[in-house]
Amino acid sequence: MLNIGTTGTIYVAVDSQDGRKGIDGLAGVVRTVLGRDPASGDIFVFKNRRGDKLKILGFMGDGFALYLRRLEKGTFAFPTAVSKELAITTTQLAMILGGIELAQTRTRKRFQKSS
């Protein structure tokens, strides 16, 4: 069970990444391609070219954590976006991990406190 206790934002990198990249390589992608700070407390989700593997990179206060998930059959349904990244909610991340295609879902209205 993955427990992401994040107060930051979850970003999905739209472009696929080399599956051999580790923490340092993915942190470099966050800095150079996405233009964000990998130690900001945000979570970054990456997929490989085939779409059957994903990696989640996050800074947990005292160091980085890297989560890898590989499917034995099928692919992850990643959302598409015009930009290099897409901000999603924890519910949407759970749906991606569970094999649900976000484009096929409908979000119902909910109250949101204005900031």
N, C-alpha and C. Protein backbone atom coordinates (compact mmCIF):
# COMPACT_ATOMS: atom_id res chain seq x y z
N MET A 1 0.84 -1.18 0.00
CA MET A 1 0.00 0.00 0.00
C MET A 1 0.88 1.23 0.00
N LEU A 2 0.67 2.09 -0.94
CA LEU A 2 1.40 3.34 -1.04
C LEU A 2 0.67 4.40 -0.24
N ASN A 3 1.38 5.03 0.66
CA ASN A 3 0.79 6.10 1.45
C ASN A 3 1.57 7.37 1.17
N ILE A 4 0.97 8.28 0.43
CA ILE A 4 1.62 9.53 0.09
C ILE A 4 1.05 10.61 0.99
N GLY A 5 1.79 10.95 2.03
CA GLY A 5 1.35 12.00 2.94
C GLY A 5 1.87 13.33 2.46
N THR A 6 1.28 13.83 1.41
CA THR A 6 1.78 15.06 0.80
C THR A 6 0.85 16.23 1.07
N THR A 7 1.45 17.36 1.29
CA THR A 7 0.68 18.59 1.38
C THR A 7 0.90 19.41 0.13
N GLY A 8 1.81 18.95 -0.72
CA GLY A 8 2.11 19.64 -1.97
C GLY A 8 1.21 19.17 -3.09
N THR A 9 1.64 19.47 -4.29
CA THR A 9 0.90 19.13 -5.50
C THR A 9 1.50 17.88 -6.13
N ILE A 10 0.66 17.11 -6.81
CA ILE A 10 1.12 15.94 -7.55
C ILE A 10 1.18 16.33 -9.02
N TYR A 11 2.36 16.20 -9.61
CA TYR A 11 2.56 16.54 -11.02
C TYR A 11 2.84 15.27 -11.81
N VAL A 12 2.15 15.11 -12.93
CA VAL A 12 2.40 14.02 -13.86
C VAL A 12 3.22 14.58 -15.01
N ALA A 13 4.41 13.99 -15.24
CA ALA A 13 5.22 14.38 -16.40
C ALA A 13 4.60 13.72 -17.63
N VAL A 14 4.18 14.51 -18.59
CA VAL A 14 3.46 14.01 -19.74
C VAL A 14 4.37 13.19 -20.66
N ASP A 15 5.59 13.65 -20.88
CA ASP A 15 6.52 12.92 -21.74
C ASP A 15 7.08 11.70 -21.01
N SER A 16 7.25 10.60 -21.74
CA SER A 16 7.82 9.41 -21.12
C SER A 16 9.30 9.62 -20.83
N GLN A 17 9.78 8.88 -19.81
CA GLN A 17 11.18 8.99 -19.39
C GLN A 17 11.85 7.62 -19.50
N ASP A 18 13.16 7.64 -19.59
CA ASP A 18 13.96 6.42 -19.62
C ASP A 18 13.72 5.67 -18.31
N GLY A 19 13.28 4.43 -18.39
CA GLY A 19 12.97 3.64 -17.22
C GLY A 19 14.17 3.31 -16.35
N ARG A 20 15.38 3.53 -16.87
CA ARG A 20 16.58 3.23 -16.09
C ARG A 20 16.97 4.37 -15.15
N LYS A 21 16.31 5.52 -15.27
CA LYS A 21 16.64 6.66 -14.42
C LYS A 21 16.26 6.39 -12.97
N GLY A 22 17.15 6.78 -12.09
CA GLY A 22 16.89 6.65 -10.66
C GLY A 22 16.53 8.00 -10.06
N ILE A 23 16.77 8.13 -8.77
CA ILE A 23 16.40 9.35 -8.06
C ILE A 23 17.10 10.56 -8.64
N ASP A 24 18.41 10.49 -8.82
CA ASP A 24 19.15 11.65 -9.32
C ASP A 24 18.74 12.03 -10.74
N GLY A 25 18.54 11.03 -11.61
CA GLY A 25 18.14 11.31 -12.98
C GLY A 25 16.76 11.93 -13.06
N LEU A 26 15.83 11.42 -12.28
CA LEU A 26 14.47 11.98 -12.29
C LEU A 26 14.43 13.35 -11.63
N ALA A 27 15.24 13.56 -10.59
CA ALA A 27 15.32 14.90 -9.98
C ALA A 27 15.87 15.89 -11.00
N GLY A 28 16.80 15.46 -11.84
CA GLY A 28 17.31 16.32 -12.90
C GLY A 28 16.23 16.66 -13.91
N VAL A 29 15.36 15.72 -14.24
CA VAL A 29 14.24 15.99 -15.16
C VAL A 29 13.29 17.00 -14.53
N VAL A 30 13.04 16.86 -13.24
CA VAL A 30 12.16 17.81 -12.54
C VAL A 30 12.74 19.22 -12.64
N ARG A 31 14.05 19.35 -12.43
CA ARG A 31 14.70 20.66 -12.49
C ARG A 31 14.74 21.24 -13.90
N THR A 32 15.22 20.45 -14.87
CA THR A 32 15.48 20.99 -16.20
C THR A 32 14.26 21.02 -17.11
N VAL A 33 13.49 19.94 -17.13
CA VAL A 33 12.35 19.85 -18.05
C VAL A 33 11.11 20.51 -17.46
N LEU A 34 10.80 20.18 -16.21
CA LEU A 34 9.59 20.72 -15.60
C LEU A 34 9.80 22.08 -14.96
N GLY A 35 11.07 22.44 -14.69
CA GLY A 35 11.37 23.74 -14.09
C GLY A 35 10.90 23.87 -12.66
N ARG A 36 10.91 22.77 -11.93
CA ARG A 36 10.46 22.78 -10.54
C ARG A 36 11.57 22.29 -9.62
N ASP A 37 11.38 22.52 -8.32
CA ASP A 37 12.34 22.09 -7.32
C ASP A 37 11.94 20.69 -6.83
N PRO A 38 12.79 19.67 -7.04
CA PRO A 38 12.41 18.32 -6.61
C PRO A 38 12.29 18.17 -5.10
N ALA A 39 12.90 19.06 -4.32
CA ALA A 39 12.84 18.99 -2.86
C ALA A 39 11.75 19.90 -2.29
N SER A 40 10.79 20.29 -3.10
CA SER A 40 9.74 21.22 -2.68
C SER A 40 8.65 20.59 -1.84
N GLY A 41 8.60 19.26 -1.81
CA GLY A 41 7.50 18.59 -1.12
C GLY A 41 6.42 18.14 -2.07
N ASP A 42 6.53 18.53 -3.34
CA ASP A 42 5.59 18.06 -4.36
C ASP A 42 5.96 16.63 -4.76
N ILE A 43 5.01 15.93 -5.37
CA ILE A 43 5.21 14.57 -5.85
C ILE A 43 5.24 14.62 -7.37
N PHE A 44 6.14 13.84 -7.98
CA PHE A 44 6.30 13.82 -9.43
C PHE A 44 6.14 12.40 -9.94
N VAL A 45 5.27 12.22 -10.94
CA VAL A 45 4.95 10.90 -11.48
C VAL A 45 5.48 10.83 -12.91
N PHE A 46 6.20 9.73 -13.21
CA PHE A 46 6.80 9.53 -14.52
C PHE A 46 6.38 8.17 -15.07
N LYS A 47 6.30 8.06 -16.39
CA LYS A 47 6.00 6.77 -17.03
C LYS A 47 7.11 6.44 -18.02
N ASN A 48 7.21 5.16 -18.36
CA ASN A 48 8.15 4.77 -19.41
C ASN A 48 7.45 4.83 -20.77
N ARG A 49 8.19 4.56 -21.82
CA ARG A 49 7.65 4.70 -23.18
C ARG A 49 6.49 3.75 -23.44
N ARG A 50 6.60 2.51 -22.97
CA ARG A 50 5.52 1.53 -23.21
C ARG A 50 4.30 1.79 -22.34
N GLY A 51 4.49 2.49 -21.22
CA GLY A 51 3.37 2.80 -20.35
C GLY A 51 3.04 1.70 -19.36
N ASP A 52 3.91 0.69 -19.24
CA ASP A 52 3.63 -0.39 -18.29
C ASP A 52 4.37 -0.22 -16.96
N LYS A 53 5.17 0.85 -16.86
CA LYS A 53 5.89 1.15 -15.62
C LYS A 53 5.70 2.62 -15.28
N LEU A 54 5.60 2.90 -13.98
CA LEU A 54 5.61 4.29 -13.56
C LEU A 54 6.47 4.42 -12.32
N LYS A 55 7.02 5.61 -12.15
CA LYS A 55 7.83 5.93 -10.99
C LYS A 55 7.27 7.20 -10.36
N ILE A 56 7.27 7.20 -9.04
CA ILE A 56 6.81 8.36 -8.28
C ILE A 56 7.97 8.84 -7.42
N LEU A 57 8.35 10.10 -7.59
CA LEU A 57 9.46 10.69 -6.86
C LEU A 57 8.93 11.75 -5.92
N GLY A 58 9.39 11.71 -4.68
CA GLY A 58 8.99 12.71 -3.70
C GLY A 58 10.07 12.93 -2.68
N PHE A 59 10.12 14.14 -2.14
CA PHE A 59 11.06 14.47 -1.07
C PHE A 59 10.30 14.38 0.23
N MET A 60 10.77 13.54 1.16
CA MET A 60 10.05 13.26 2.39
C MET A 60 10.61 13.98 3.60
N GLY A 61 11.23 15.14 3.40
CA GLY A 61 11.72 15.94 4.52
C GLY A 61 13.19 15.72 4.80
N ASP A 62 13.63 14.46 4.80
CA ASP A 62 15.03 14.18 5.08
C ASP A 62 15.71 13.44 3.94
N GLY A 63 15.02 13.23 2.86
CA GLY A 63 15.58 12.55 1.70
C GLY A 63 14.50 12.21 0.69
N PHE A 64 14.93 11.70 -0.45
CA PHE A 64 14.01 11.35 -1.52
C PHE A 64 13.49 9.93 -1.36
N ALA A 65 12.28 9.71 -1.85
CA ALA A 65 11.69 8.38 -1.92
C ALA A 65 11.31 8.14 -3.38
N LEU A 66 11.52 6.92 -3.84
CA LEU A 66 11.18 6.55 -5.21
C LEU A 66 10.33 5.29 -5.17
N TYR A 67 9.15 5.38 -5.75
CA TYR A 67 8.22 4.26 -5.81
C TYR A 67 8.16 3.80 -7.26
N LEU A 68 8.30 2.50 -7.49
CA LEU A 68 8.24 1.92 -8.83
C LEU A 68 7.09 0.93 -8.89
N ARG A 69 6.32 1.01 -9.95
CA ARG A 69 5.24 0.04 -10.16
C ARG A 69 5.33 -0.46 -11.58
N ARG A 70 5.36 -1.80 -11.75
CA ARG A 70 5.40 -2.43 -13.07
C ARG A 70 4.20 -3.33 -13.21
N LEU A 71 3.51 -3.20 -14.33
CA LEU A 71 2.36 -4.06 -14.60
C LEU A 71 2.83 -5.29 -15.37
N GLU A 72 2.32 -6.43 -15.02
CA GLU A 72 2.63 -7.66 -15.74
C GLU A 72 1.88 -7.73 -17.06
N LYS A 73 0.72 -7.08 -17.11
CA LYS A 73 -0.09 -7.06 -18.33
C LYS A 73 -0.81 -5.73 -18.40
N GLY A 74 -0.88 -5.13 -19.56
CA GLY A 74 -1.59 -3.87 -19.74
C GLY A 74 -0.70 -2.66 -19.53
N THR A 75 -1.31 -1.49 -19.58
CA THR A 75 -0.59 -0.23 -19.43
C THR A 75 -1.37 0.71 -18.51
N PHE A 76 -0.67 1.72 -18.00
CA PHE A 76 -1.30 2.77 -17.22
C PHE A 76 -1.94 3.77 -18.17
N ALA A 77 -3.11 4.27 -17.81
CA ALA A 77 -3.80 5.27 -18.62
C ALA A 77 -3.42 6.65 -18.10
N PHE A 78 -2.39 7.22 -18.68
CA PHE A 78 -1.95 8.55 -18.27
C PHE A 78 -2.76 9.61 -19.00
N PRO A 79 -3.08 10.70 -18.30
CA PRO A 79 -3.80 11.79 -18.96
C PRO A 79 -2.89 12.50 -19.96
N THR A 80 -3.50 13.13 -20.93
CA THR A 80 -2.74 13.91 -21.92
C THR A 80 -2.88 15.38 -21.57
N ALA A 81 -1.86 16.15 -21.94
CA ALA A 81 -1.87 17.59 -21.68
C ALA A 81 -1.06 18.29 -22.75
N VAL A 82 -1.29 19.57 -22.89
CA VAL A 82 -0.56 20.38 -23.85
C VAL A 82 0.83 20.72 -23.32
N SER A 83 0.94 20.94 -22.02
CA SER A 83 2.22 21.33 -21.42
C SER A 83 3.03 20.09 -21.04
N LYS A 84 4.20 20.30 -20.44
CA LYS A 84 5.09 19.21 -20.05
C LYS A 84 4.63 18.49 -18.80
N GLU A 85 3.70 19.09 -18.05
CA GLU A 85 3.24 18.51 -16.80
C GLU A 85 1.76 18.78 -16.62
N LEU A 86 1.18 18.02 -15.71
CA LEU A 86 -0.23 18.16 -15.40
C LEU A 86 -0.40 17.93 -13.91
N ALA A 87 -1.05 18.86 -13.22
CA ALA A 87 -1.29 18.71 -11.79
C ALA A 87 -2.55 17.87 -11.60
N ILE A 88 -2.46 16.86 -10.72
CA ILE A 88 -3.60 15.99 -10.45
C ILE A 88 -3.81 15.89 -8.93
N THR A 89 -4.94 15.32 -8.54
CA THR A 89 -5.25 15.12 -7.13
C THR A 89 -4.81 13.73 -6.70
N THR A 90 -4.81 13.48 -5.40
CA THR A 90 -4.47 12.15 -4.90
C THR A 90 -5.49 11.10 -5.37
N THR A 91 -6.73 11.50 -5.50
CA THR A 91 -7.76 10.59 -6.01
C THR A 91 -7.47 10.20 -7.45
N GLN A 92 -7.08 11.18 -8.27
CA GLN A 92 -6.76 10.88 -9.66
C GLN A 92 -5.52 9.98 -9.76
N LEU A 93 -4.53 10.18 -8.88
CA LEU A 93 -3.36 9.30 -8.88
C LEU A 93 -3.77 7.88 -8.52
N ALA A 94 -4.65 7.73 -7.54
CA ALA A 94 -5.14 6.40 -7.18
C ALA A 94 -5.88 5.75 -8.34
N MET A 95 -6.60 6.54 -9.11
CA MET A 95 -7.30 6.01 -10.27
C MET A 95 -6.32 5.55 -11.34
N ILE A 96 -5.25 6.31 -11.57
CA ILE A 96 -4.23 5.90 -12.55
C ILE A 96 -3.59 4.58 -12.10
N LEU A 97 -3.24 4.50 -10.81
CA LEU A 97 -2.64 3.28 -10.28
C LEU A 97 -3.60 2.10 -10.35
N GLY A 98 -4.89 2.37 -10.24
CA GLY A 98 -5.90 1.32 -10.28
C GLY A 98 -6.37 0.94 -11.66
N GLY A 99 -5.84 1.59 -12.70
CA GLY A 99 -6.19 1.23 -14.06
C GLY A 99 -7.40 1.94 -14.63
N ILE A 100 -7.81 3.01 -14.01
CA ILE A 100 -8.97 3.76 -14.49
C ILE A 100 -8.50 4.90 -15.37
N GLU A 101 -9.11 5.04 -16.52
CA GLU A 101 -8.74 6.11 -17.46
C GLU A 101 -9.47 7.40 -17.07
N LEU A 102 -8.69 8.43 -16.76
CA LEU A 102 -9.26 9.69 -16.28
C LEU A 102 -10.16 10.36 -17.31
N ALA A 103 -9.84 10.19 -18.60
CA ALA A 103 -10.64 10.82 -19.65
C ALA A 103 -12.05 10.25 -19.70
N GLN A 104 -12.24 9.03 -19.20
CA GLN A 104 -13.55 8.38 -19.24
C GLN A 104 -14.39 8.69 -18.00
N THR A 105 -13.82 9.41 -17.04
CA THR A 105 -14.54 9.68 -15.80
C THR A 105 -15.17 11.07 -15.82
N ARG A 106 -16.11 11.25 -14.93
CA ARG A 106 -16.77 12.54 -14.79
C ARG A 106 -16.66 12.98 -13.34
N THR A 107 -16.20 14.19 -13.12
CA THR A 107 -16.06 14.72 -11.77
C THR A 107 -17.30 15.53 -11.41
N ARG A 108 -17.86 15.22 -10.27
CA ARG A 108 -19.05 15.93 -9.81
C ARG A 108 -18.63 17.17 -9.00
N LYS A 109 -19.49 18.14 -8.94
CA LYS A 109 -19.22 19.38 -8.24
C LYS A 109 -19.03 19.12 -6.75
N ARG A 110 -18.06 19.81 -6.17
CA ARG A 110 -17.80 19.75 -4.74
C ARG A 110 -17.49 21.15 -4.25
N PHE A 111 -17.74 21.39 -2.98
CA PHE A 111 -17.42 22.66 -2.37
C PHE A 111 -15.91 22.80 -2.26
N GLN A 112 -15.39 23.95 -2.62
CA GLN A 112 -13.98 24.26 -2.43
C GLN A 112 -13.88 25.63 -1.79
N LYS A 113 -13.15 25.68 -0.70
CA LYS A 113 -12.94 26.94 -0.01
C LYS A 113 -12.01 27.80 -0.84
N SER A 114 -12.41 29.04 -1.07
CA SER A 114 -11.57 29.94 -1.86
C SER A 114 -10.37 30.38 -1.04
N SER A 115 -9.24 30.51 -1.71
CA SER A 115 -8.02 30.89 -0.97
C SER A 115 -7.74 32.35 -0.98
